[in-house]
Amino acid sequence: SEQEVFRGHGLYLKPGDGAIHTLYVVHHGTRESIEVFEVDADATPPDLTWVGCAPALSTLSLNSVVALPDGGFATTSGPTDDVWSWQTATGWTRIPGSEGSAPNGLEISRDGRWLYIAGWTQEKLTRISLGETPVQTEVIDLGFRPDNVRMSLDGSVIYAAGHTDKDGRSIADPREPLRETTNVAAIDPETLEFRRIFEHPAMDGFVASTTAMRIGDEMWLGSYRGDRIAYFPAPE
């Protein structure tokens, strides 16, 4: 029989009551899907129980996922250049205003009114409103290719991580990985004002950061090419 293969990609943890939370996982294994797990944080190590999945439409290739406040979730699809939502009652629906956003990473405001889309190929971040007609859309140019975006725990800052080459230009040739520079920007989710808080040349074992999150007084970084994670003191 065919061997079962699990290939997780994007992750989103929806906090629950007490120690029980919901984990959404972008999955590329034996099916393209969003897999959903219940997480018991009191267990050692934390215990995961599979509770269901939503197989993707055949036209979609998923990357990042966030939970929606009214149930379901939203997820980015690079090949179709848009963001889709899934609800139990209605299934898959394209989110209005997400077309042409060059979507890769995805984040949602704490009140659930806004989606923030990392436009990797176009060095931009797009904010679109949810549940409004017409849709409100704003775009900012970050000056580097943002891969993923993560909200701070208090909802006051979005951290965008991505890469350029050492001269600040976009990646010209992915076969030259040591030209890529790690970049992190801190973005105000309300005004969209931002500043680049970190820039560092590629290092052996850690090339081109793809995600950044604050843990205490430190920033922790992941990479899609390397065998380790990195961290540095969080700026004031």
Protein backbone atom coordinates (compact mmCIF):
# COMPACT_ATOMS: atom_id res chain seq x y z
CA SER A 1 0.00 0.00 0.00
CA GLU A 2 1.04 3.61 -0.52
CA GLN A 3 3.08 4.95 2.37
CA GLU A 4 1.39 7.81 4.21
CA VAL A 5 3.46 11.00 4.08
CA PHE A 6 2.87 14.05 6.27
CA ARG A 7 4.49 17.28 5.04
CA GLY A 8 3.60 20.24 7.22
CA HIS A 9 4.19 23.81 6.04
CA GLY A 10 2.42 26.88 7.51
CA LEU A 11 1.14 26.76 11.11
CA TYR A 12 -1.41 28.75 13.09
CA LEU A 13 -2.37 28.18 16.73
CA LYS A 14 -5.83 29.42 17.78
CA PRO A 15 -5.87 29.90 21.56
CA GLY A 16 -8.65 28.11 23.42
CA ASP A 17 -9.95 28.03 26.96
CA GLY A 18 -7.43 26.74 29.47
CA ALA A 19 -4.82 24.40 28.05
CA ILE A 20 -6.76 23.16 24.99
CA HIS A 21 -5.97 24.96 21.72
CA THR A 22 -6.55 24.41 17.98
CA LEU A 23 -3.65 23.99 15.55
CA TYR A 24 -4.08 24.53 11.80
CA VAL A 25 -1.41 23.04 9.51
CA VAL A 26 -0.85 23.60 5.80
CA HIS A 27 -0.17 20.12 4.45
CA HIS A 28 1.46 18.97 1.18
CA GLY A 29 1.76 15.23 1.76
CA THR A 30 -0.55 12.60 0.34
CA ARG A 31 -3.08 15.41 -0.13
CA GLU A 32 -2.99 19.22 -0.37
CA SER A 33 -5.05 20.31 2.62
CA ILE A 34 -5.43 22.15 5.88
CA GLU A 35 -5.16 19.65 8.73
CA VAL A 36 -6.66 20.55 12.12
CA PHE A 37 -5.44 19.27 15.49
CA GLU A 38 -6.49 19.74 19.11
CA VAL A 39 -3.50 20.60 21.29
CA ASP A 40 -3.37 19.74 24.99
CA ALA A 41 -0.68 22.07 26.34
CA ASP A 42 -0.81 20.51 29.82
CA ALA A 43 0.59 17.23 28.51
CA THR A 44 4.37 16.66 28.48
CA PRO A 45 5.21 16.92 25.64
CA PRO A 46 2.06 18.72 24.38
CA ASP A 47 -0.41 16.19 22.95
CA LEU A 48 -1.89 16.54 19.45
CA THR A 49 -5.16 14.91 18.40
CA TRP A 50 -6.28 15.07 14.75
CA VAL A 51 -9.84 16.41 14.51
CA GLY A 52 -10.37 16.95 10.77
CA CYS A 53 -9.16 18.43 7.51
CA ALA A 54 -10.23 20.46 4.48
CA PRO A 55 -8.77 19.09 1.21
CA ALA A 56 -7.80 21.95 -1.11
CA LEU A 57 -9.35 22.62 -4.49
CA SER A 58 -7.25 21.12 -7.29
CA THR A 59 -6.27 24.61 -8.49
CA LEU A 60 -4.81 25.69 -5.14
CA SER A 61 -1.34 25.29 -3.68
CA LEU A 62 -1.36 26.47 -0.07
CA ASN A 63 1.31 28.22 1.97
CA SER A 64 0.10 30.02 5.13
CA VAL A 65 -3.06 29.78 7.23
CA VAL A 66 -4.89 31.77 9.94
CA ALA A 67 -8.07 31.01 11.88
CA LEU A 68 -11.08 33.27 11.27
CA PRO A 69 -13.12 34.65 14.19
CA ASP A 70 -16.44 33.26 12.91
CA GLY A 71 -15.02 29.77 12.40
CA GLY A 72 -13.10 28.31 9.52
CA PHE A 73 -9.81 29.68 8.27
CA ALA A 74 -8.07 31.68 5.53
CA THR A 75 -5.08 30.46 3.53
CA THR A 76 -2.81 31.81 0.80
CA SER A 77 -2.41 30.25 -2.65
CA GLY A 78 0.57 31.42 -4.68
CA PRO A 79 -0.25 29.88 -8.08
CA THR A 80 -3.72 31.47 -8.14
CA ASP A 81 -2.37 34.77 -6.68
CA ASP A 82 -5.09 35.13 -4.04
CA VAL A 83 -6.34 34.15 -0.57
CA TRP A 84 -9.15 31.68 0.11
CA SER A 85 -11.37 31.01 3.10
CA TRP A 86 -13.03 27.77 4.17
CA GLN A 87 -16.17 27.42 6.27
CA THR A 88 -18.02 24.25 7.23
CA ALA A 89 -21.29 25.45 5.69
CA THR A 90 -19.96 26.94 2.45
CA GLY A 91 -16.64 25.24 1.72
CA TRP A 92 -14.02 27.18 -0.26
CA THR A 93 -14.49 30.85 -1.23
CA ARG A 94 -12.02 33.36 -2.68
CA ILE A 95 -11.59 36.33 -0.32
CA PRO A 96 -12.52 39.56 -2.16
CA GLY A 97 -9.66 42.03 -2.55
CA SER A 98 -6.92 39.40 -2.26
CA GLU A 99 -6.41 39.03 -6.01
CA GLY A 100 -2.95 40.08 -7.19
CA SER A 101 -1.49 40.23 -3.68
CA ALA A 102 1.43 37.89 -4.54
CA PRO A 103 0.47 35.95 -1.40
CA ASN A 104 2.88 33.98 0.71
CA GLY A 105 2.61 34.67 4.45
CA LEU A 106 -0.64 35.63 6.17
CA GLU A 107 -1.72 37.21 9.46
CA ILE A 108 -5.00 38.47 10.91
CA SER A 109 -5.72 41.36 13.29
CA ARG A 110 -6.76 40.52 16.82
CA ASP A 111 -10.30 41.81 16.19
CA GLY A 112 -10.57 39.76 12.98
CA ARG A 113 -11.29 42.81 10.78
CA TRP A 114 -8.09 42.79 8.70
CA LEU A 115 -5.89 40.34 6.84
CA TYR A 116 -2.20 41.10 6.26
CA ILE A 117 -0.70 39.39 3.20
CA ALA A 118 3.05 39.08 2.60
CA GLY A 119 3.64 39.66 -1.13
CA TRP A 120 6.97 37.89 -1.53
CA THR A 121 7.56 38.33 -5.26
CA GLN A 122 6.63 42.03 -5.18
CA GLU A 123 8.35 43.14 -1.93
CA LYS A 124 5.03 44.33 -0.51
CA LEU A 125 2.53 43.85 2.28
CA THR A 126 -1.19 44.14 1.54
CA ARG A 127 -3.87 44.83 4.14
CA ILE A 128 -7.47 44.01 3.22
CA SER A 129 -10.66 44.32 5.24
CA LEU A 130 -12.88 41.33 5.95
CA GLY A 131 -16.67 41.40 5.69
CA GLU A 132 -16.88 44.87 4.16
CA THR A 133 -18.25 46.06 0.81
CA PRO A 134 -16.38 47.61 -0.85
CA VAL A 135 -13.21 46.01 0.45
CA GLN A 136 -10.62 48.38 1.93
CA THR A 137 -7.15 47.68 0.50
CA GLU A 138 -3.79 49.25 1.37
CA VAL A 139 -0.33 48.28 0.12
CA ILE A 140 3.13 49.20 1.43
CA ASP A 141 6.53 48.59 -0.18
CA LEU A 142 8.89 46.96 2.34
CA GLY A 143 12.03 47.05 0.18
CA PHE A 144 12.68 43.33 0.68
CA ARG A 145 10.81 40.14 -0.09
CA PRO A 146 8.61 39.32 2.93
CA ASP A 147 8.10 35.60 3.34
CA ASN A 148 5.98 35.38 6.50
CA VAL A 149 4.29 37.80 8.90
CA ARG A 150 3.62 37.25 12.60
CA MET A 151 1.61 39.32 15.08
CA SER A 152 3.08 40.12 18.48
CA LEU A 153 1.27 38.63 21.47
CA ASP A 154 -0.31 41.98 22.38
CA GLY A 155 -1.38 42.69 18.79
CA SER A 156 0.59 45.95 18.59
CA VAL A 157 3.27 44.93 16.06
CA ILE A 158 3.49 42.74 12.97
CA TYR A 159 6.92 41.28 12.27
CA ALA A 160 7.71 40.62 8.61
CA ALA A 161 10.77 38.53 7.74
CA GLY A 162 12.29 38.02 4.32
CA HIS A 163 15.37 38.34 2.19
CA THR A 164 17.34 40.32 -0.36
CA ASP A 165 20.94 40.10 -1.50
CA LYS A 166 23.72 41.88 0.36
CA ASP A 167 23.28 45.07 -1.70
CA GLY A 168 19.60 45.34 -0.87
CA ARG A 169 18.42 44.16 -4.27
CA SER A 170 15.82 41.43 -4.70
CA ILE A 171 17.07 37.91 -5.27
CA ALA A 172 18.44 37.69 -8.79
CA ASP A 173 19.58 34.06 -8.82
CA PRO A 174 18.44 31.57 -6.15
CA ARG A 175 21.44 29.39 -7.05
CA GLU A 176 23.62 31.96 -5.24
CA PRO A 177 22.22 31.61 -1.71
CA LEU A 178 25.06 33.36 0.09
CA ARG A 179 24.04 36.65 -1.52
CA GLU A 180 20.78 36.69 0.42
CA THR A 181 20.42 38.97 3.44
CA THR A 182 18.08 38.36 6.37
CA ASN A 183 15.65 41.24 6.98
CA VAL A 184 13.03 41.86 9.66
CA ALA A 185 10.59 44.79 9.69
CA ALA A 186 8.29 45.90 12.51
CA ILE A 187 4.94 47.13 11.15
CA ASP A 188 2.19 49.05 12.95
CA PRO A 189 -0.97 47.04 12.13
CA GLU A 190 -3.16 50.18 12.27
CA THR A 191 -1.09 52.84 10.48
CA LEU A 192 1.12 50.43 8.46
CA GLU A 193 4.15 52.54 9.35
CA PHE A 194 7.22 50.32 9.55
CA ARG A 195 10.93 50.25 10.23
CA ARG A 196 13.54 47.64 9.43
CA ILE A 197 14.81 46.40 12.78
CA PHE A 198 17.31 43.80 11.58
CA GLU A 199 19.50 43.17 8.54
CA HIS A 200 22.27 40.58 8.40
CA PRO A 201 24.29 38.87 5.67
CA ALA A 202 23.92 35.14 5.08
CA MET A 203 25.85 32.83 7.40
CA ASP A 204 26.92 29.21 7.13
CA GLY A 205 23.94 27.14 8.27
CA PHE A 206 21.49 30.06 8.22
CA VAL A 207 20.59 31.71 4.93
CA ALA A 208 17.65 34.00 4.22
CA SER A 209 15.22 34.28 7.12
CA THR A 210 11.61 33.44 6.35
CA THR A 211 9.87 34.12 9.66
CA ALA A 212 10.41 36.19 12.80
CA MET A 213 8.65 36.20 16.14
CA ARG A 214 9.31 37.86 19.47
CA ILE A 215 9.79 35.64 22.51
CA GLY A 216 10.39 37.67 25.65
CA ASP A 217 13.27 40.06 25.01
CA GLU A 218 14.51 38.19 21.93
CA MET A 219 13.61 37.85 18.26
CA TRP A 220 13.65 34.27 16.92
CA LEU A 221 14.16 33.62 13.21
CA GLY A 222 13.55 30.65 10.93
CA SER A 223 15.03 29.97 7.49
CA TYR A 224 14.07 27.85 4.51
CA ARG A 225 17.74 27.05 3.82
CA GLY A 226 19.78 26.05 6.84
CA ASP A 227 19.97 23.54 9.65
CA ARG A 228 19.25 25.84 12.59
CA ILE A 229 17.22 28.76 13.93
CA ALA A 230 18.68 32.14 14.94
CA TYR A 231 17.91 34.71 17.59
CA PHE A 232 19.01 38.20 18.58
CA PRO A 233 18.09 40.74 21.30
CA ALA A 234 14.81 42.45 20.43
CA PRO A 235 15.31 46.17 19.72
CA GLU A 236 13.61 48.76 21.89
